[in-house]
Structure formats: structure tokens, C-alpha cells
Amino acid sequence: MSSDALKVICKFVVLTKLLYASPAWWCFATLADKQRLEAFLRRGVGLNLYSALDPSVSQRVQDTDDELFSAVMANSHHVLHHMLPDRTSHPYTL
């Protein structure tokens, strides 16, 4: 298998499996768990399976969490949308 194909598999299959539903469990993971995931990624960089310029595990989790929150805010039919507080407007007249 070519090195480019292995990089794609590492990025889109292996990391996706490792970080599945990460917004739900990331805050419950211990520091040791998070360090293990980061070490796994560093080994991938060392084996030329992952680019050092690509985001870290914690950055990927943060990006996923931001995407979920944006999706909940944008879609009023989302399952979690009813849990958001009501929007408030502040009309300012200066």
C-alpha cells in the first residue's frame, strides 16, 4: 500500500474510531488518557502516518465540539436545541 493511502487510513479511519463521540467523554478522560492519545499521534508522526502540521488530538476534540454546538444552534429541530437558553436581545440606543 502506498504511503499516501496509509496516511488517509490513519487520518480518517483510525483517528475517527479513537475520537468517536469525543465531546461526550473528553471531559471525563483523565490526563493520562489524553496523554496516551497524544503519544499515539506522535508515534504516527514518527512513522510518517500523520503529518506534524495536522491538528493535535485536543485540537480535533475542540473542533468537533465546536461543530456540534454550531449544529445545535443552527437547527431548531436538533434533539439538543431545546436545552439551549432563550435568546435575549439587547436594544441599545446611544
PDB file of N, CA and C in Angstrom:
ATOM      1  N   MET A   1       0.844  -1.167   0.000  1.00  0.00           N
ATOM      2  CA  MET A   1       0.000   0.000   0.000  1.00  0.00           C
ATOM      3  C   MET A   1       0.897   1.240   0.000  1.00  0.00           C
ATOM      4  N   SER A   2       0.503   2.258  -0.718  1.00  0.00           N
ATOM      5  CA  SER A   2       1.322   3.467  -0.798  1.00  0.00           C
ATOM      6  C   SER A   2       1.268   4.247   0.524  1.00  0.00           C
ATOM      7  N   SER A   3       2.262   5.096   0.732  1.00  0.00           N
ATOM      8  CA  SER A   3       2.309   5.871   1.974  1.00  0.00           C
ATOM      9  C   SER A   3       1.157   6.870   2.050  1.00  0.00           C
ATOM     10  N   ASP A   4       0.733   7.393   0.900  1.00  0.00           N
ATOM     11  CA  ASP A   4      -0.402   8.321   0.902  1.00  0.00           C
ATOM     12  C   ASP A   4      -1.683   7.618   1.337  1.00  0.00           C
ATOM     13  N   ALA A   5      -1.878   6.381   0.873  1.00  0.00           N
ATOM     14  CA  ALA A   5      -3.064   5.614   1.267  1.00  0.00           C
ATOM     15  C   ALA A   5      -3.036   5.308   2.762  1.00  0.00           C
ATOM     16  N   LEU A   6      -1.861   4.986   3.286  1.00  0.00           N
ATOM     17  CA  LEU A   6      -1.750   4.716   4.727  1.00  0.00           C
ATOM     18  C   LEU A   6      -2.043   5.964   5.556  1.00  0.00           C
ATOM     19  N   LYS A   7      -1.612   7.132   5.066  1.00  0.00           N
ATOM     20  CA  LYS A   7      -1.910   8.388   5.774  1.00  0.00           C
ATOM     21  C   LYS A   7      -3.412   8.648   5.798  1.00  0.00           C
ATOM     22  N   VAL A   8      -4.075   8.389   4.688  1.00  0.00           N
ATOM     23  CA  VAL A   8      -5.527   8.591   4.624  1.00  0.00           C
ATOM     24  C   VAL A   8      -6.232   7.650   5.583  1.00  0.00           C
ATOM     25  N   ILE A   9      -5.801   6.396   5.616  1.00  0.00           N
ATOM     26  CA  ILE A   9      -6.416   5.416   6.518  1.00  0.00           C
ATOM     27  C   ILE A   9      -6.191   5.826   7.972  1.00  0.00           C
ATOM     28  N   CYS A  10      -4.987   6.252   8.295  1.00  0.00           N
ATOM     29  CA  CYS A  10      -4.695   6.683   9.673  1.00  0.00           C
ATOM     30  C   CYS A  10      -5.561   7.864  10.061  1.00  0.00           C
ATOM     31  N   LYS A  11      -5.662   8.825   9.169  1.00  0.00           N
ATOM     32  CA  LYS A  11      -6.376  10.057   9.497  1.00  0.00           C
ATOM     33  C   LYS A  11      -7.887   9.863   9.565  1.00  0.00           C
ATOM     34  N   PHE A  12      -8.449   9.149   8.604  1.00  0.00           N
ATOM     35  CA  PHE A  12      -9.905   9.099   8.502  1.00  0.00           C
ATOM     36  C   PHE A  12     -10.535   7.834   9.064  1.00  0.00           C
ATOM     37  N   VAL A  13      -9.754   6.833   9.367  1.00  0.00           N
ATOM     38  CA  VAL A  13     -10.335   5.622   9.948  1.00  0.00           C
ATOM     39  C   VAL A  13      -9.890   5.469  11.399  1.00  0.00           C
ATOM     40  N   VAL A  14      -8.592   5.426  11.611  1.00  0.00           N
ATOM     41  CA  VAL A  14      -8.078   5.160  12.953  1.00  0.00           C
ATOM     42  C   VAL A  14      -8.420   6.304  13.910  1.00  0.00           C
ATOM     43  N   LEU A  15      -8.124   7.539  13.518  1.00  0.00           N
ATOM     44  CA  LEU A  15      -8.419   8.663  14.406  1.00  0.00           C
ATOM     45  C   LEU A  15      -9.914   8.852  14.618  1.00  0.00           C
ATOM     46  N   THR A  16     -10.687   8.592  13.591  1.00  0.00           N
ATOM     47  CA  THR A  16     -12.140   8.698  13.741  1.00  0.00           C
ATOM     48  C   THR A  16     -12.653   7.691  14.756  1.00  0.00           C
ATOM     49  N   LYS A  17     -12.123   6.478  14.715  1.00  0.00           N
ATOM     50  CA  LYS A  17     -12.527   5.455  15.694  1.00  0.00           C
ATOM     51  C   LYS A  17     -12.088   5.841  17.104  1.00  0.00           C
ATOM     52  N   LEU A  18     -10.876   6.374  17.238  1.00  0.00           N
ATOM     53  CA  LEU A  18     -10.378   6.743  18.565  1.00  0.00           C
ATOM     54  C   LEU A  18     -11.157   7.899  19.177  1.00  0.00           C
ATOM     55  N   LEU A  19     -11.561   8.844  18.341  1.00  0.00           N
ATOM     56  CA  LEU A  19     -12.198  10.052  18.853  1.00  0.00           C
ATOM     57  C   LEU A  19     -13.713  10.048  18.685  1.00  0.00           C
ATOM     58  N   TYR A  20     -14.298   8.884  18.441  1.00  0.00           N
ATOM     59  CA  TYR A  20     -15.745   8.795  18.276  1.00  0.00           C
ATOM     60  C   TYR A  20     -16.451   9.325  19.526  1.00  0.00           C
ATOM     61  N   ALA A  21     -17.388  10.222  19.334  1.00  0.00           N
ATOM     62  CA  ALA A  21     -18.200  10.820  20.402  1.00  0.00           C
ATOM     63  C   ALA A  21     -17.342  11.513  21.452  1.00  0.00           C
ATOM     64  N   SER A  22     -16.221  12.057  21.038  1.00  0.00           N
ATOM     65  CA  SER A  22     -15.301  12.690  21.990  1.00  0.00           C
ATOM     66  C   SER A  22     -15.900  13.859  22.761  1.00  0.00           C
ATOM     67  N   PRO A  23     -16.837  14.654  22.198  1.00  0.00           N
ATOM     68  CA  PRO A  23     -17.417  15.709  23.039  1.00  0.00           C
ATOM     69  C   PRO A  23     -18.129  15.163  24.275  1.00  0.00           C
ATOM     70  N   ALA A  24     -18.594  13.916  24.205  1.00  0.00           N
ATOM     71  CA  ALA A  24     -19.310  13.336  25.342  1.00  0.00           C
ATOM     72  C   ALA A  24     -18.369  12.801  26.417  1.00  0.00           C
ATOM     73  N   TRP A  25     -17.219  12.275  26.039  1.00  0.00           N
ATOM     74  CA  TRP A  25     -16.355  11.635  27.027  1.00  0.00           C
ATOM     75  C   TRP A  25     -15.069  12.383  27.327  1.00  0.00           C
ATOM     76  N   TRP A  26     -14.723  13.403  26.556  1.00  0.00           N
ATOM     77  CA  TRP A  26     -13.433  14.069  26.724  1.00  0.00           C
ATOM     78  C   TRP A  26     -13.273  14.668  28.120  1.00  0.00           C
ATOM     79  N   CYS A  27     -14.312  15.270  28.657  1.00  0.00           N
ATOM     80  CA  CYS A  27     -14.181  15.899  29.982  1.00  0.00           C
ATOM     81  C   CYS A  27     -14.042  14.858  31.097  1.00  0.00           C
ATOM     82  N   PHE A  28     -14.404  13.609  30.842  1.00  0.00           N
ATOM     83  CA  PHE A  28     -14.276  12.549  31.845  1.00  0.00           C
ATOM     84  C   PHE A  28     -12.961  11.788  31.716  1.00  0.00           C
ATOM     85  N   ALA A  29     -12.227  12.005  30.637  1.00  0.00           N
ATOM     86  CA  ALA A  29     -10.948  11.325  30.444  1.00  0.00           C
ATOM     87  C   ALA A  29      -9.904  11.923  31.385  1.00  0.00           C
ATOM     88  N   THR A  30      -9.069  11.061  31.893  1.00  0.00           N
ATOM     89  CA  THR A  30      -8.008  11.531  32.781  1.00  0.00           C
ATOM     90  C   THR A  30      -6.878  12.134  31.956  1.00  0.00           C
ATOM     91  N   LEU A  31      -5.999  12.821  32.621  1.00  0.00           N
ATOM     92  CA  LEU A  31      -4.845  13.406  31.950  1.00  0.00           C
ATOM     93  C   LEU A  31      -3.989  12.311  31.318  1.00  0.00           C
ATOM     94  N   ALA A  32      -3.877  11.183  31.987  1.00  0.00           N
ATOM     95  CA  ALA A  32      -3.098  10.057  31.447  1.00  0.00           C
ATOM     96  C   ALA A  32      -3.730   9.539  30.156  1.00  0.00           C
ATOM     97  N   ASP A  33      -5.054   9.463  30.112  1.00  0.00           N
ATOM     98  CA  ASP A  33      -5.736   9.017  28.892  1.00  0.00           C
ATOM     99  C   ASP A  33      -5.459   9.978  27.737  1.00  0.00           C
ATOM    100  N   LYS A  34      -5.538  11.265  28.032  1.00  0.00           N
ATOM    101  CA  LYS A  34      -5.300  12.270  26.995  1.00  0.00           C
ATOM    102  C   LYS A  34      -3.857  12.223  26.516  1.00  0.00           C
ATOM    103  N   GLN A  35      -2.929  12.009  27.437  1.00  0.00           N
ATOM    104  CA  GLN A  35      -1.520  11.918  27.064  1.00  0.00           C
ATOM    105  C   GLN A  35      -1.256  10.672  26.220  1.00  0.00           C
ATOM    106  N   ARG A  36      -1.960   9.579  26.515  1.00  0.00           N
ATOM    107  CA  ARG A  36      -1.818   8.365  25.693  1.00  0.00           C
ATOM    108  C   ARG A  36      -2.275   8.607  24.270  1.00  0.00           C
ATOM    109  N   LEU A  37      -3.383   9.334  24.108  1.00  0.00           N
ATOM    110  CA  LEU A  37      -3.869   9.639  22.767  1.00  0.00           C
ATOM    111  C   LEU A  37      -2.889  10.541  22.027  1.00  0.00           C
ATOM    112  N   GLU A  38      -2.341  11.531  22.714  1.00  0.00           N
ATOM    113  CA  GLU A  38      -1.346  12.407  22.094  1.00  0.00           C
ATOM    114  C   GLU A  38      -0.082  11.621  21.728  1.00  0.00           C
ATOM    115  N   ALA A  39       0.335  10.686  22.584  1.00  0.00           N
ATOM    116  CA  ALA A  39       1.511   9.857  22.297  1.00  0.00           C
ATOM    117  C   ALA A  39       1.261   8.968  21.084  1.00  0.00           C
ATOM    118  N   PHE A  40       0.042   8.454  20.955  1.00  0.00           N
ATOM    119  CA  PHE A  40      -0.309   7.648  19.782  1.00  0.00           C
ATOM    120  C   PHE A  40      -0.152   8.473  18.515  1.00  0.00           C
ATOM    121  N   LEU A  41      -0.583   9.716  18.572  1.00  0.00           N
ATOM    122  CA  LEU A  41      -0.467  10.604  17.419  1.00  0.00           C
ATOM    123  C   LEU A  41       0.999  10.915  17.115  1.00  0.00           C
ATOM    124  N   ARG A  42       1.798  11.119  18.151  1.00  0.00           N
ATOM    125  CA  ARG A  42       3.231  11.369  17.940  1.00  0.00           C
ATOM    126  C   ARG A  42       3.921  10.165  17.308  1.00  0.00           C
ATOM    127  N   ARG A  43       3.516   8.949  17.697  1.00  0.00           N
ATOM    128  CA  ARG A  43       4.073   7.751  17.063  1.00  0.00           C
ATOM    129  C   ARG A  43       3.690   7.705  15.595  1.00  0.00           C
ATOM    130  N   GLY A  44       2.462   8.149  15.298  1.00  0.00           N
ATOM    131  CA  GLY A  44       2.039   8.214  13.900  1.00  0.00           C
ATOM    132  C   GLY A  44       2.866   9.202  13.099  1.00  0.00           C
ATOM    133  N   VAL A  45       3.245  10.315  13.734  1.00  0.00           N
ATOM    134  CA  VAL A  45       4.111  11.289  13.067  1.00  0.00           C
ATOM    135  C   VAL A  45       5.478  10.657  12.829  1.00  0.00           C
ATOM    136  N   GLY A  46       5.994   9.944  13.819  1.00  0.00           N
ATOM    137  CA  GLY A  46       7.297   9.291  13.693  1.00  0.00           C
ATOM    138  C   GLY A  46       7.324   8.225  12.615  1.00  0.00           C
ATOM    139  N   LEU A  47       6.198   7.562  12.416  1.00  0.00           N
ATOM    140  CA  LEU A  47       6.098   6.523  11.380  1.00  0.00           C
ATOM    141  C   LEU A  47       5.660   7.078  10.035  1.00  0.00           C
ATOM    142  N   ASN A  48       5.552   8.392   9.952  1.00  0.00           N
ATOM    143  CA  ASN A  48       5.133   9.079   8.730  1.00  0.00           C
ATOM    144  C   ASN A  48       3.707   8.680   8.310  1.00  0.00           C
ATOM    145  N   LEU A  49       2.851   8.442   9.303  1.00  0.00           N
ATOM    146  CA  LEU A  49       1.449   8.131   9.031  1.00  0.00           C
ATOM    147  C   LEU A  49       0.552   9.336   9.292  1.00  0.00           C
ATOM    148  N   TYR A  50       1.108  10.350   9.924  1.00  0.00           N
ATOM    149  CA  TYR A  50       0.343  11.538  10.284  1.00  0.00           C
ATOM    150  C   TYR A  50       1.277  12.729  10.165  1.00  0.00           C
ATOM    151  N   SER A  51       0.778  13.812   9.660  1.00  0.00           N
ATOM    152  CA  SER A  51       1.611  14.998   9.480  1.00  0.00           C
ATOM    153  C   SER A  51       1.725  15.772  10.789  1.00  0.00           C
ATOM    154  N   ALA A  52       2.913  16.269  11.067  1.00  0.00           N
ATOM    155  CA  ALA A  52       3.117  17.068  12.271  1.00  0.00           C
ATOM    156  C   ALA A  52       2.373  18.391  12.182  1.00  0.00           C
ATOM    157  N   LEU A  53       2.008  18.812  10.981  1.00  0.00           N
ATOM    158  CA  LEU A  53       1.281  20.065  10.791  1.00  0.00           C
ATOM    159  C   LEU A  53      -0.219  19.918  11.025  1.00  0.00           C
ATOM    160  N   ASP A  54      -0.721  18.682  11.028  1.00  0.00           N
ATOM    161  CA  ASP A  54      -2.144  18.439  11.275  1.00  0.00           C
ATOM    162  C   ASP A  54      -2.460  18.701  12.743  1.00  0.00           C
ATOM    163  N   PRO A  55      -3.734  18.947  13.072  1.00  0.00           N
ATOM    164  CA  PRO A  55      -4.086  19.285  14.461  1.00  0.00           C
ATOM    165  C   PRO A  55      -3.837  18.143  15.448  1.00  0.00           C
ATOM    166  N   SER A  56      -3.591  18.519  16.685  1.00  0.00           N
ATOM    167  CA  SER A  56      -3.394  17.542  17.754  1.00  0.00           C
ATOM    168  C   SER A  56      -4.737  16.928  18.136  1.00  0.00           C
ATOM    169  N   VAL A  57      -4.691  15.947  19.013  1.00  0.00           N
ATOM    170  CA  VAL A  57      -5.914  15.280  19.466  1.00  0.00           C
ATOM    171  C   VAL A  57      -6.813  16.272  20.187  1.00  0.00           C
ATOM    172  N   SER A  58      -6.255  17.062  21.072  1.00  0.00           N
ATOM    173  CA  SER A  58      -7.083  18.013  21.825  1.00  0.00           C
ATOM    174  C   SER A  58      -7.684  19.068  20.896  1.00  0.00           C
ATOM    175  N   GLN A  59      -6.943  19.478  19.869  1.00  0.00           N
ATOM    176  CA  GLN A  59      -7.499  20.440  18.916  1.00  0.00           C
ATOM    177  C   GLN A  59      -8.617  19.812  18.092  1.00  0.00           C
ATOM    178  N   ARG A  60      -8.449  18.547  17.718  1.00  0.00           N
ATOM    179  CA  ARG A  60      -9.510  17.850  16.977  1.00  0.00           C
ATOM    180  C   ARG A  60     -10.770  17.729  17.820  1.00  0.00           C
ATOM    181  N   VAL A  61     -10.612  17.428  19.101  1.00  0.00           N
ATOM    182  CA  VAL A  61     -11.768  17.319  20.000  1.00  0.00           C
ATOM    183  C   VAL A  61     -12.456  18.669  20.135  1.00  0.00           C
ATOM    184  N   GLN A  62     -11.672  19.720  20.283  1.00  0.00           N
ATOM    185  CA  GLN A  62     -12.244  21.071  20.397  1.00  0.00           C
ATOM    186  C   GLN A  62     -13.002  21.441  19.127  1.00  0.00           C
ATOM    187  N   ASP A  63     -12.421  21.131  17.962  1.00  0.00           N
ATOM    188  CA  ASP A  63     -13.091  21.426  16.688  1.00  0.00           C
ATOM    189  C   ASP A  63     -14.406  20.652  16.564  1.00  0.00           C
ATOM    190  N   THR A  64     -14.395  19.389  16.972  1.00  0.00           N
ATOM    191  CA  THR A  64     -15.606  18.571  16.923  1.00  0.00           C
ATOM    192  C   THR A  64     -16.676  19.125  17.850  1.00  0.00           C
ATOM    193  N   ASP A  65     -16.267  19.553  19.032  1.00  0.00           N
ATOM    194  CA  ASP A  65     -17.201  20.130  19.991  1.00  0.00           C
ATOM    195  C   ASP A  65     -17.806  21.429  19.447  1.00  0.00           C
ATOM    196  N   ASP A  66     -16.982  22.246  18.827  1.00  0.00           N
ATOM    197  CA  ASP A  66     -17.472  23.493  18.231  1.00  0.00           C
ATOM    198  C   ASP A  66     -18.461  23.219  17.098  1.00  0.00           C
ATOM    199  N   GLU A  67     -18.166  22.208  16.276  1.00  0.00           N
ATOM    200  CA  GLU A  67     -19.076  21.844  15.185  1.00  0.00           C
ATOM    201  C   GLU A  67     -20.420  21.366  15.723  1.00  0.00           C
ATOM    202  N   LEU A  68     -20.384  20.570  16.790  1.00  0.00           N
ATOM    203  CA  LEU A  68     -21.636  20.087  17.385  1.00  0.00           C
ATOM    204  C   LEU A  68     -22.455  21.250  17.928  1.00  0.00           C
ATOM    205  N   PHE A  69     -21.808  22.163  18.642  1.00  0.00           N
ATOM    206  CA  PHE A  69     -22.527  23.297  19.209  1.00  0.00           C
ATOM    207  C   PHE A  69     -23.121  24.177  18.114  1.00  0.00           C
ATOM    208  N   SER A  70     -22.372  24.385  17.041  1.00  0.00           N
ATOM    209  CA  SER A  70     -22.892  25.171  15.915  1.00  0.00           C
ATOM    210  C   SER A  70     -24.090  24.485  15.278  1.00  0.00           C
ATOM    211  N   ALA A  71     -24.028  23.164  15.143  1.00  0.00           N
ATOM    212  CA  ALA A  71     -25.138  22.425  14.557  1.00  0.00           C
ATOM    213  C   ALA A  71     -26.385  22.510  15.430  1.00  0.00           C
ATOM    214  N   VAL A  72     -26.199  22.451  16.743  1.00  0.00           N
ATOM    215  CA  VAL A  72     -27.336  22.548  17.666  1.00  0.00           C
ATOM    216  C   VAL A  72     -27.954  23.939  17.598  1.00  0.00           C
ATOM    217  N   MET A  73     -27.119  24.959  17.546  1.00  0.00           N
ATOM    218  CA  MET A  73     -27.633  26.329  17.500  1.00  0.00           C
ATOM    219  C   MET A  73     -28.347  26.635  16.188  1.00  0.00           C
ATOM    220  N   ALA A  74     -27.844  26.101  15.092  1.00  0.00           N
ATOM    221  CA  ALA A  74     -28.384  26.434  13.773  1.00  0.00           C
ATOM    222  C   ALA A  74     -29.666  25.680  13.442  1.00  0.00           C
ATOM    223  N   ASN A  75     -29.891  24.533  14.054  1.00  0.00           N
ATOM    224  CA  ASN A  75     -31.027  23.692  13.701  1.00  0.00           C
ATOM    225  C   ASN A  75     -32.018  23.653  14.862  1.00  0.00           C
ATOM    226  N   SER A  76     -33.155  24.304  14.683  1.00  0.00           N
ATOM    227  CA  SER A  76     -34.146  24.334  15.764  1.00  0.00           C
ATOM    228  C   SER A  76     -34.814  22.981  15.986  1.00  0.00           C
ATOM    229  N   HIS A  77     -34.639  22.037  15.073  1.00  0.00           N
ATOM    230  CA  HIS A  77     -35.211  20.696  15.218  1.00  0.00           C
ATOM    231  C   HIS A  77     -34.203  19.699  15.781  1.00  0.00           C
ATOM    232  N   HIS A  78     -33.015  20.166  16.122  1.00  0.00           N
ATOM    233  CA  HIS A  78     -31.998  19.284  16.689  1.00  0.00           C
ATOM    234  C   HIS A  78     -32.472  18.794  18.050  1.00  0.00           C
ATOM    235  N   VAL A  79     -32.104  17.573  18.393  1.00  0.00           N
ATOM    236  CA  VAL A  79     -32.532  16.955  19.646  1.00  0.00           C
ATOM    237  C   VAL A  79     -32.089  17.773  20.864  1.00  0.00           C
ATOM    238  N   LEU A  80     -30.953  18.407  20.787  1.00  0.00           N
ATOM    239  CA  LEU A  80     -30.430  19.153  21.927  1.00  0.00           C
ATOM    240  C   LEU A  80     -30.807  20.636  21.924  1.00  0.00           C
ATOM    241  N   HIS A  81     -31.472  21.099  20.877  1.00  0.00           N
ATOM    242  CA  HIS A  81     -31.764  22.525  20.743  1.00  0.00           C
ATOM    243  C   HIS A  81     -32.634  23.051  21.889  1.00  0.00           C
ATOM    244  N   HIS A  82     -33.555  22.247  22.376  1.00  0.00           N
ATOM    245  CA  HIS A  82     -34.443  22.712  23.447  1.00  0.00           C
ATOM    246  C   HIS A  82     -33.704  22.965  24.756  1.00  0.00           C
ATOM    247  N   MET A  83     -32.483  22.473  24.884  1.00  0.00           N
ATOM    248  CA  MET A  83     -31.711  22.661  26.108  1.00  0.00           C
ATOM    249  C   MET A  83     -30.976  24.002  26.143  1.00  0.00           C
ATOM    250  N   LEU A  84     -30.935  24.693  25.005  1.00  0.00           N
ATOM    251  CA  LEU A  84     -30.280  25.997  24.957  1.00  0.00           C
ATOM    252  C   LEU A  84     -31.149  27.038  25.644  1.00  0.00           C
ATOM    253  N   PRO A  85     -30.526  28.034  26.266  1.00  0.00           N
ATOM    254  CA  PRO A  85     -31.336  29.106  26.862  1.00  0.00           C
ATOM    255  C   PRO A  85     -31.970  29.952  25.763  1.00  0.00           C
ATOM    256  N   ASP A  86     -33.044  30.638  26.107  1.00  0.00           N
ATOM    257  CA  ASP A  86     -33.700  31.506  25.149  1.00  0.00           C
ATOM    258  C   ASP A  86     -32.740  32.624  24.750  1.00  0.00           C
ATOM    259  N   ARG A  87     -32.870  33.052  23.493  1.00  0.00           N
ATOM    260  CA  ARG A  87     -32.042  34.147  23.025  1.00  0.00           C
ATOM    261  C   ARG A  87     -32.572  35.462  23.610  1.00  0.00           C
ATOM    262  N   THR A  88     -31.645  36.284  23.994  1.00  0.00           N
ATOM    263  CA  THR A  88     -32.015  37.589  24.515  1.00  0.00           C
ATOM    264  C   THR A  88     -31.479  38.652  23.568  1.00  0.00           C
ATOM    265  N   SER A  89     -32.243  39.700  23.410  1.00  0.00           N
ATOM    266  CA  SER A  89     -31.769  40.812  22.586  1.00  0.00           C
ATOM    267  C   SER A  89     -31.608  42.022  23.494  1.00  0.00           C
ATOM    268  N   HIS A  90     -30.623  42.784  23.197  1.00  0.00           N
ATOM    269  CA  HIS A  90     -30.338  43.985  23.975  1.00  0.00           C
ATOM    270  C   HIS A  90     -30.361  45.187  23.044  1.00  0.00           C
ATOM    271  N   PRO A  91     -31.497  45.835  22.951  1.00  0.00           N
ATOM    272  CA  PRO A  91     -31.555  47.005  22.074  1.00  0.00           C
ATOM    273  C   PRO A  91     -30.833  48.181  22.744  1.00  0.00           C
ATOM    274  N   TYR A  92     -29.821  48.632  22.096  1.00  0.00           N
ATOM    275  CA  TYR A  92     -29.058  49.753  22.622  1.00  0.00           C
ATOM    276  C   TYR A  92     -29.386  51.011  21.830  1.00  0.00           C
ATOM    277  N   THR A  93     -29.598  52.080  22.519  1.00  0.00           N
ATOM    278  CA  THR A  93     -29.756  53.373  21.870  1.00  0.00           C
ATOM    279  C   THR A  93     -28.741  54.299  22.489  1.00  0.00           C
ATOM    280  N   LEU A  94     -27.788  54.645  21.693  1.00  0.00           N
ATOM    281  CA  LEU A  94     -26.706  55.502  22.202  1.00  0.00           C
ATOM    282  C   LEU A  94     -26.906  56.925  21.778  1.00  0.00           C
TER     283      LEU A  94
END
